[in-house]
Protein backbone atom coordinates (compact mmCIF):
# COMPACT_ATOMS: atom_id res chain seq x y z
CA MET A 1 -5.85 16.93 -4.11
CA LYS A 2 -5.28 15.64 -7.64
CA PHE A 3 -7.91 14.50 -10.13
CA GLY A 4 -8.12 11.76 -12.71
CA VAL A 5 -10.61 10.36 -15.19
CA PHE A 6 -11.48 6.68 -15.36
CA TYR A 7 -12.52 4.43 -18.25
CA GLU A 8 -14.05 0.97 -18.40
CA LEU A 9 -15.30 1.63 -21.95
CA GLN A 10 -18.86 0.56 -21.27
CA LEU A 11 -21.16 -0.26 -24.16
CA PRO A 12 -24.74 -1.28 -23.37
CA ARG A 13 -26.78 -3.13 -25.98
CA PRO A 14 -28.11 -2.81 -28.62
CA TRP A 15 -24.86 -2.58 -30.58
CA LYS A 16 -24.53 -0.99 -34.00
CA PRO A 17 -21.71 -1.65 -36.51
CA ASP A 18 -19.92 1.55 -35.48
CA SER A 19 -20.68 1.42 -31.74
CA GLU A 20 -17.22 0.33 -30.63
CA LEU A 21 -15.53 2.73 -33.05
CA ASN A 22 -17.50 5.66 -31.64
CA LEU A 23 -16.91 4.46 -28.07
CA TYR A 24 -13.12 4.47 -28.51
CA GLN A 25 -12.90 7.69 -30.49
CA ASN A 26 -15.16 9.58 -28.10
CA ALA A 27 -13.19 8.38 -25.08
CA LEU A 28 -9.93 9.53 -26.65
CA THR A 29 -11.46 12.94 -27.34
CA GLN A 30 -12.62 13.12 -23.71
CA ILE A 31 -9.06 12.50 -22.54
CA GLU A 32 -7.91 15.30 -24.84
CA VAL A 33 -10.44 17.54 -23.09
CA ALA A 34 -9.21 16.40 -19.68
CA ASP A 35 -5.60 17.11 -20.65
CA ARG A 36 -6.47 20.57 -21.95
CA CYS A 37 -8.44 21.34 -18.77
CA GLY A 38 -5.60 20.38 -16.42
CA TYR A 39 -6.66 16.99 -15.05
CA ASP A 40 -3.74 15.03 -13.61
CA TYR A 41 -4.43 11.40 -14.61
CA ALA A 42 -6.31 9.24 -17.10
CA TRP A 43 -6.87 5.63 -16.03
CA GLU A 44 -7.88 2.71 -18.26
CA VAL A 45 -8.87 -0.79 -17.13
CA GLU A 46 -8.08 -4.22 -18.53
CA HIS A 47 -11.06 -6.57 -18.75
CA HIS A 48 -11.81 -9.53 -20.95
CA PHE A 49 -15.09 -10.99 -22.27
CA LEU A 50 -17.37 -8.74 -20.16
CA GLU A 51 -20.12 -7.83 -22.59
CA GLU A 52 -21.58 -4.34 -22.12
CA TYR A 53 -19.69 -3.77 -18.87
CA SER A 54 -16.20 -3.27 -20.34
CA HIS A 55 -14.87 -3.43 -23.91
CA SER A 56 -11.28 -2.72 -22.89
CA PRO A 57 -8.99 -5.77 -23.24
CA GLN A 58 -5.86 -3.88 -24.40
CA PRO A 59 -5.43 -0.72 -22.32
CA GLU A 60 -1.88 -0.22 -23.56
CA VAL A 61 -3.21 0.40 -27.08
CA PHE A 62 -5.79 2.91 -25.87
CA LEU A 63 -3.31 4.68 -23.59
CA ALA A 64 -0.66 4.82 -26.32
CA ALA A 65 -3.21 6.47 -28.63
CA ALA A 66 -4.10 8.91 -25.84
CA SER A 67 -0.41 9.73 -25.39
CA GLN A 68 -0.25 11.12 -28.92
CA ARG A 69 -3.28 13.34 -28.38
CA THR A 70 -2.22 14.81 -25.01
CA ARG A 71 0.76 16.61 -23.49
CA ASN A 72 0.66 16.59 -19.72
CA ILE A 73 -1.91 14.18 -18.30
CA ARG A 74 -0.42 11.04 -16.78
CA LEU A 75 -1.60 7.78 -18.34
CA GLY A 76 -2.40 4.97 -15.97
CA HIS A 77 -2.98 1.27 -16.35
CA GLY A 78 -5.84 0.85 -13.97
CA ILE A 79 -5.00 -2.04 -14.13
CA ILE A 80 -2.94 -4.64 -16.02
CA GLN A 81 -4.05 -8.13 -14.95
CA LEU A 82 -0.86 -9.84 -13.81
CA THR A 83 -2.68 -13.16 -13.70
CA SER A 84 -3.45 -13.22 -17.43
CA ASN A 85 -0.31 -11.57 -18.83
CA HIS A 86 3.20 -13.00 -18.93
CA PRO A 87 5.56 -10.94 -16.72
CA ALA A 88 7.94 -10.13 -19.59
CA ARG A 89 5.05 -8.88 -21.73
CA VAL A 90 3.89 -6.69 -18.83
CA ALA A 91 7.34 -5.11 -18.45
CA GLU A 92 7.47 -4.54 -22.20
CA LYS A 93 3.99 -2.94 -22.32
CA VAL A 94 4.76 -0.56 -19.44
CA ALA A 95 8.15 0.47 -20.82
CA CYS A 96 6.77 1.09 -24.31
CA LEU A 97 3.94 3.24 -22.95
CA ASP A 98 6.44 5.22 -20.92
CA LEU A 99 8.52 5.84 -24.04
CA VAL A 100 5.71 6.90 -26.37
CA SER A 101 4.20 9.13 -23.65
CA ASN A 102 7.58 10.69 -22.82
CA GLY A 103 7.59 9.45 -19.23
CA ARG A 104 3.90 9.75 -18.28
CA ALA A 105 3.06 6.08 -17.60
CA GLU A 106 1.61 4.80 -14.32
CA PHE A 107 1.82 1.06 -13.66
CA GLY A 108 -1.39 -0.13 -12.01
CA MET A 109 -1.75 -3.87 -11.49
CA GLY A 110 -4.31 -6.35 -10.25
CA GLU A 111 -5.46 -9.95 -10.13
CA GLY A 112 -8.66 -10.15 -12.18
CA ALA A 113 -12.00 -10.69 -10.50
CA SER A 114 -13.99 -13.44 -12.18
CA ILE A 115 -13.88 -16.96 -13.60
CA THR A 116 -15.09 -15.55 -16.91
CA GLU A 117 -11.88 -13.54 -17.24
CA LEU A 118 -9.35 -15.84 -15.60
CA GLY A 119 -10.56 -19.23 -16.85
CA PRO A 120 -9.51 -18.84 -20.51
CA PHE A 121 -6.00 -17.99 -19.30
CA ASP A 122 -5.81 -21.12 -17.13
CA ARG A 123 -5.95 -19.18 -13.88
CA GLU A 124 -8.06 -19.99 -10.83
CA MET A 125 -9.82 -17.69 -8.41
CA GLU A 126 -8.45 -19.57 -5.41
CA ASN A 127 -4.78 -18.66 -5.89
CA LYS A 128 -4.90 -15.45 -7.90
CA ARG A 129 -3.32 -13.40 -5.07
CA GLU A 130 -0.33 -15.76 -4.96
CA VAL A 131 0.03 -15.55 -8.76
CA TRP A 132 -0.11 -11.75 -8.55
CA GLU A 133 2.64 -11.65 -5.91
CA ASP A 134 4.83 -14.04 -7.90
CA ALA A 135 4.37 -11.88 -11.00
CA ILE A 136 5.54 -8.76 -9.16
CA ARG A 137 8.68 -10.52 -7.97
CA CYS A 138 9.36 -11.61 -11.54
CA ILE A 139 8.58 -8.28 -13.23
CA MET A 140 10.35 -5.63 -11.18
CA PRO A 141 13.98 -6.62 -11.97
CA MET A 142 13.08 -6.57 -15.69
CA PHE A 143 13.07 -2.76 -15.59
CA LYS A 144 16.76 -2.71 -14.61
CA ASP A 145 19.69 -2.84 -17.01
CA GLY A 146 21.10 -6.28 -17.73
CA GLY A 147 19.69 -9.78 -17.91
CA TRP A 148 17.32 -11.44 -15.47
CA GLU A 149 16.11 -14.94 -14.81
CA TYR A 150 13.44 -16.15 -12.43
CA ASP A 151 12.22 -19.45 -11.02
CA GLY A 152 9.05 -18.92 -9.00
CA PRO A 153 6.06 -21.08 -8.11
CA TYR A 154 3.93 -19.75 -10.98
CA PHE A 155 6.34 -18.10 -13.40
CA LYS A 156 9.61 -19.34 -14.92
CA PHE A 157 11.78 -17.03 -16.98
CA PRO A 158 15.14 -17.88 -18.60
CA LEU A 159 18.00 -15.41 -18.61
CA ARG A 160 17.07 -12.58 -20.97
CA GLN A 161 17.44 -8.81 -21.31
CA VAL A 162 13.89 -7.40 -21.37
CA LEU A 163 13.72 -4.42 -23.71
CA PRO A 164 13.01 -1.53 -23.95
CA LYS A 165 13.51 0.19 -20.60
CA PRO A 166 11.18 2.91 -19.28
CA ILE A 167 12.21 6.58 -19.12
CA GLN A 168 11.13 6.88 -15.50
CA LYS A 169 13.75 5.45 -13.16
CA PRO A 170 13.76 3.00 -11.60
CA HIS A 171 10.28 2.37 -13.10
CA PRO A 172 6.88 4.08 -13.48
CA PRO A 173 4.91 4.50 -10.22
CA LEU A 174 3.23 1.34 -8.92
CA TRP A 175 -0.47 1.03 -8.05
CA VAL A 176 -2.76 -1.85 -7.18
CA ALA A 177 -6.52 -2.19 -7.66
CA CYS A 178 -8.33 -2.27 -4.32
CA SER A 179 -11.73 -3.63 -5.27
CA GLN A 180 -12.04 -5.19 -1.83
CA LEU A 181 -11.58 -2.80 1.08
CA ASP A 182 -9.05 -4.96 2.93
CA THR A 183 -6.74 -4.61 -0.08
CA ILE A 184 -6.24 -0.94 0.82
CA GLU A 185 -4.34 -1.91 3.98
CA MET A 186 -2.41 -4.51 1.98
CA ALA A 187 -1.41 -1.87 -0.59
CA GLY A 188 0.03 0.32 2.16
CA ARG A 189 1.92 -2.61 3.66
CA ARG A 190 3.38 -3.46 0.24
CA GLY A 191 4.35 0.16 -0.45
CA ILE A 192 2.12 0.43 -3.52
CA GLY A 193 -0.41 3.13 -4.44
CA ALA A 194 -4.03 2.12 -3.74
CA LEU A 195 -6.64 2.46 -6.49
CA GLY A 196 -9.82 2.20 -4.45
CA PHE A 197 -13.49 2.58 -5.28
CA GLN A 198 -15.76 5.16 -3.80
CA PHE A 199 -16.20 5.38 -0.06
CA LEU A 200 -19.72 5.86 1.24
CA SER A 201 -18.77 8.71 3.56
CA ALA A 202 -15.90 11.02 4.45
CA GLU A 203 -15.58 9.14 7.75
CA MET A 204 -15.11 5.89 5.88
CA ALA A 205 -12.48 7.53 3.67
CA LYS A 206 -10.59 8.84 6.70
CA ALA A 207 -10.54 5.39 8.35
CA TRP A 208 -9.09 3.71 5.26
CA VAL A 209 -6.61 6.53 4.57
CA HIS A 210 -5.33 6.10 8.12
CA ALA A 211 -5.17 2.32 7.68
CA TYR A 212 -3.22 2.75 4.45
CA TYR A 213 -0.64 5.22 5.75
CA ASN A 214 -0.20 3.45 9.08
CA SER A 215 0.52 0.22 7.22
CA PHE A 216 2.95 2.08 4.95
CA THR A 217 4.87 3.79 7.75
CA LYS A 218 4.74 1.10 10.45
CA ARG A 219 4.39 -2.26 8.71
CA LEU A 220 6.08 -1.83 5.32
CA ASP A 221 6.80 -5.23 3.73
CA LYS A 222 7.59 -4.87 0.03
CA LEU A 223 7.29 -7.86 -2.29
CA ALA A 224 10.46 -7.00 -4.24
CA ASP A 225 13.05 -4.27 -4.75
CA TYR A 226 10.92 -1.43 -6.12
CA GLN A 227 10.36 2.25 -5.44
CA ALA A 228 7.46 2.72 -3.06
CA ASN A 229 4.53 4.89 -4.12
CA PRO A 230 2.59 6.24 -1.12
CA ASN A 231 -0.72 7.29 -2.65
CA ILE A 232 -4.37 6.48 -2.11
CA ALA A 233 -6.88 7.29 -4.84
CA MET A 234 -10.67 7.08 -4.71
CA VAL A 235 -12.78 6.45 -7.80
CA SER A 236 -16.14 8.20 -7.64
CA TYR A 237 -19.18 8.35 -9.87
CA PHE A 238 -19.33 11.79 -11.43
CA MET A 239 -21.40 14.24 -13.43
CA CYS A 240 -21.28 18.02 -13.17
CA ALA A 241 -24.01 20.27 -14.59
CA GLU A 242 -25.63 23.62 -13.89
CA THR A 243 -28.10 22.14 -11.39
CA ASP A 244 -28.28 19.00 -9.28
CA GLU A 245 -31.37 17.91 -11.15
CA GLU A 246 -29.71 18.24 -14.55
CA ALA A 247 -26.58 16.43 -13.36
CA ARG A 248 -28.66 13.50 -12.10
CA ARG A 249 -30.59 13.36 -15.35
CA ARG A 250 -27.36 13.23 -17.33
CA ALA A 251 -25.78 10.63 -15.03
CA ASP A 252 -28.23 7.80 -15.65
CA GLY A 253 -25.32 5.61 -16.79
CA VAL A 254 -23.98 5.57 -13.24
CA THR A 255 -26.79 3.32 -12.06
CA PHE A 256 -26.27 1.04 -15.07
CA PHE A 257 -22.58 0.79 -14.16
CA GLN A 258 -23.43 -0.24 -10.62
CA PHE A 259 -26.28 -2.51 -11.68
CA SER A 260 -24.01 -4.41 -14.07
CA LEU A 261 -21.66 -5.13 -11.17
CA ALA A 262 -24.34 -6.05 -8.67
CA TYR A 263 -26.16 -8.24 -11.20
CA TYR A 264 -23.29 -10.73 -11.26
CA SER A 265 -21.81 -10.31 -7.80
CA GLY A 266 -23.85 -13.12 -6.27
CA SER A 267 -22.81 -15.78 -8.77
CA LYS A 268 -20.18 -18.35 -7.85
CA GLY A 269 -16.76 -17.04 -8.79
CA ARG A 270 -18.55 -13.99 -10.22
CA GLU A 271 -18.99 -16.01 -13.40
CA ARG A 272 -20.70 -14.12 -16.21
CA ALA A 273 -23.55 -15.42 -18.29
CA LYS A 274 -22.90 -17.26 -21.56
CA PRO A 275 -22.10 -14.95 -24.49
CA GLY A 276 -25.16 -13.24 -25.92
CA SER A 277 -27.57 -14.85 -23.46
CA VAL A 278 -28.32 -11.75 -21.38
CA SER A 279 -28.87 -8.12 -22.29
CA LEU A 280 -27.66 -6.22 -19.26
CA TRP A 281 -29.30 -3.10 -20.61
CA ASP A 282 -32.71 -4.76 -20.80
CA GLU A 283 -32.29 -6.20 -17.30
CA TYR A 284 -31.26 -2.79 -16.04
CA LEU A 285 -34.32 -1.12 -17.54
CA LYS A 286 -36.56 -3.65 -15.77
CA TRP A 287 -34.82 -2.98 -12.46
CA LYS A 288 -34.95 0.76 -12.99
CA ALA A 289 -38.70 0.74 -13.68
CA ALA A 290 -39.33 -1.34 -10.56
CA ASN A 291 -37.08 0.69 -8.24
CA PRO A 292 -37.49 4.43 -8.92
CA GLU A 293 -36.69 5.43 -5.34
CA ALA A 294 -33.44 3.42 -5.30
CA VAL A 295 -32.45 5.08 -8.57
CA ARG A 296 -33.18 8.51 -7.16
CA LYS A 297 -31.14 7.90 -4.03
CA ALA A 298 -28.26 6.35 -5.95
CA LEU A 299 -27.97 9.43 -8.14
CA SER A 300 -27.76 11.58 -5.02
CA GLY A 301 -24.43 9.95 -4.14
CA GLY A 302 -20.99 10.18 -5.62
CA LEU A 303 -19.86 13.48 -7.12
CA ILE A 304 -23.03 14.13 -9.08
CA GLY A 305 -24.50 17.59 -9.00
CA SER A 306 -23.91 21.28 -9.54
CA PRO A 307 -20.43 22.74 -9.04
CA GLU A 308 -21.45 23.99 -5.60
CA THR A 309 -22.85 20.60 -4.53
CA ILE A 310 -19.72 18.78 -5.70
CA ARG A 311 -17.49 21.38 -4.06
CA LYS A 312 -19.16 20.81 -0.68
CA LYS A 313 -18.77 17.03 -0.96
CA LEU A 314 -15.13 17.32 -1.98
CA ARG A 315 -14.33 19.54 0.99
CA ARG A 316 -15.41 16.71 3.28
CA PHE A 317 -13.31 14.14 1.45
CA GLN A 318 -10.41 16.59 1.38
CA GLN A 319 -10.32 16.44 5.19
CA SER A 320 -9.75 12.68 4.98
CA ASN A 321 -6.49 13.34 3.04
CA VAL A 322 -7.26 11.17 0.03
CA ASP A 323 -4.49 11.90 -2.49
CA GLN A 324 -6.50 11.68 -5.68
CA ILE A 325 -10.12 11.61 -6.78
CA ILE A 326 -10.69 9.66 -10.00
CA LEU A 327 -13.89 10.69 -11.76
CA LEU A 328 -16.04 8.14 -13.58
CA ASN A 329 -18.67 9.46 -15.93
CA GLN A 330 -18.18 7.28 -19.04
CA ALA A 331 -20.86 4.83 -17.97
CA GLY A 332 -23.95 3.30 -19.47
CA ASN A 333 -25.38 5.59 -22.14
CA ASN A 334 -24.05 8.85 -20.73
CA THR A 335 -23.54 11.00 -23.81
CA HIS A 336 -20.20 12.19 -25.16
CA GLU A 337 -21.48 15.77 -25.17
CA HIS A 338 -22.50 15.67 -21.51
CA ILE A 339 -19.24 13.99 -20.45
CA CYS A 340 -17.16 16.70 -22.12
CA GLU A 341 -19.32 19.49 -20.68
CA SER A 342 -19.06 17.93 -17.24
CA LEU A 343 -15.27 17.70 -17.40
CA GLU A 344 -14.98 21.31 -18.56
CA MET A 345 -17.37 22.73 -15.97
CA PHE A 346 -15.71 20.86 -13.09
CA ALA A 347 -12.25 21.95 -14.23
CA SER A 348 -13.33 25.58 -14.50
CA GLU A 349 -15.48 25.96 -11.39
CA VAL A 350 -14.38 23.33 -8.86
CA MET A 351 -10.93 21.89 -9.49
CA PRO A 352 -8.85 25.08 -9.00
CA GLU A 353 -9.71 25.31 -5.30
CA PHE A 354 -8.47 21.78 -4.61
CA HIS A 355 -5.44 21.99 -6.88
CA ALA A 356 -4.44 25.11 -4.94
CA ALA A 357 -4.39 23.11 -1.72
CA GLU A 358 -2.14 20.36 -3.12
CA ALA A 359 1.06 21.86 -1.65
CA ASP A 360 -0.46 21.77 1.83
CA HIS A 361 -1.53 18.16 1.33
CA GLN A 362 1.94 17.15 0.16
CA ASN A 363 3.42 18.81 3.23
CA TRP A 364 1.01 16.82 5.45
CA LYS A 365 1.88 13.60 3.66
CA GLN A 366 5.61 14.13 3.95
CA ARG A 367 5.27 14.72 7.69
CA VAL A 368 3.23 11.51 7.98
CA LEU A 369 5.86 9.56 6.03
CA ASN A 370 8.60 11.04 8.22
CA ARG A 371 6.63 9.98 11.31
CA GLU A 372 6.38 13.60 12.43
CA ILE A 373 2.61 13.13 12.44
CA GLU A 374 1.28 9.95 14.03
CA LEU A 375 -2.08 8.98 12.58
CA GLU A 376 -4.71 7.47 14.82
CA GLU A 377 -5.19 3.73 14.37
CA ILE A 378 -8.88 3.84 13.47
CA ASP A 379 -10.87 0.61 13.67
CA THR A 380 -11.91 -0.16 10.09
CA ASP A 381 -14.36 -2.93 11.03
CA PRO A 382 -17.37 -0.57 11.01
CA PHE A 383 -16.38 0.45 7.48
CA LYS A 384 -15.90 -2.97 5.93
CA ASP A 385 -19.48 -3.70 4.94
CA ARG A 386 -19.88 -2.10 1.54
CA GLY A 387 -22.26 -4.70 0.15
CA GLY A 388 -22.08 -6.37 -3.24
CA GLY A 389 -18.79 -7.64 -4.62
CA GLY A 390 -15.79 -6.25 -6.42
CA LYS A 391 -15.68 -2.56 -7.19
CA GLY A 392 -18.19 -0.35 -5.52
CA VAL A 393 -21.25 -1.41 -3.62
CA SER A 394 -24.48 -3.19 -4.38
CA ILE A 395 -27.17 -1.01 -5.91
CA SER A 396 -29.22 -1.06 -2.71
CA GLN A 397 -26.22 -0.11 -0.60
CA LEU A 398 -25.31 2.63 -3.04
CA ALA A 399 -28.74 4.14 -2.54
CA VAL A 400 -28.49 3.87 1.25
CA GLY A 401 -24.97 5.30 1.26
CA ALA A 402 -25.83 8.28 -0.88
CA GLU A 403 -27.30 10.22 1.99
CA ALA A 404 -24.27 9.51 4.21
CA ALA A 405 -22.03 11.10 1.61
CA GLU A 406 -23.98 14.35 1.53
């Protein structure tokens, strides 16, 4: 099993003049820590106009900065919005990151999830999947030598040589955001790595891992000529400390992260409030005061706890054959000090056991891909109700699911 770290660059109100500066600089330092400690991946989102929830509109800038402060960790777009970026600009961004990182770029892509983000770029929620597919068909040949032209339903591109070209051939590994569970099966069918959000139980993880790999091996239907990337990653809330109680105390930002998603999930098109009209932090504090038991249960889920508690949870998810666990602990007002301590403690006391088993996992995966192992076709219907919308689950479902993940 491999491990990554995940960044939305959250910034709850109230904001100070240097809040965003500190946010960015601290996050870059945390990725330095992760690189030094042997983590495998660092993932950075692209979001636009989402106050408090994500201040990360240009992940390529952040990842390029991280590339100059690290040596080994792979740097992932998690994701680039293909709906709001011109295909040629996407190919350029990915190739440039691959060059400055000396071949460590990962190309994660997605559609965008709300009217607030897509509307200013003249994109609609109703056809964003079709736009995403058209963008992939347009982008992939741009990584090859020579000129390329394209005439699709959403993108037109005259004959040009897109430069520069990435170091990794034929291109950096491809991933797709799987905010909705059904997208995991689609990712397997398209031959693209799946960036999923946390499963509520190891049984749920196993069902979707089987769905992914069965789609990959039996129903592969790529959108264009690209190198397939059979991988399924799970993002999980995370905080590691000496005791479970201390980890939960330090992980308060996790419930803010989930609250900020659930708060908007019921609105039409997931449209956000008008700029400056809502303080998510204030709304969160009201909810938190009124729902102490839900907060307690929510912080019992994810990978939040002592090294021993996290180790036990990971052993269950390891049996589901998830390829990568992506750890999210830059959330809410979680402190820089606690995030760094958490990353170091996990890397020292937990990660070595699961890194040591990676060769066995790769052997299992190769046998699955070769059809030497036939995975059971597990019915995923019982595991489709995650509640809420977009990434993760609603705050009430998160609390209910915490106990199932124990």
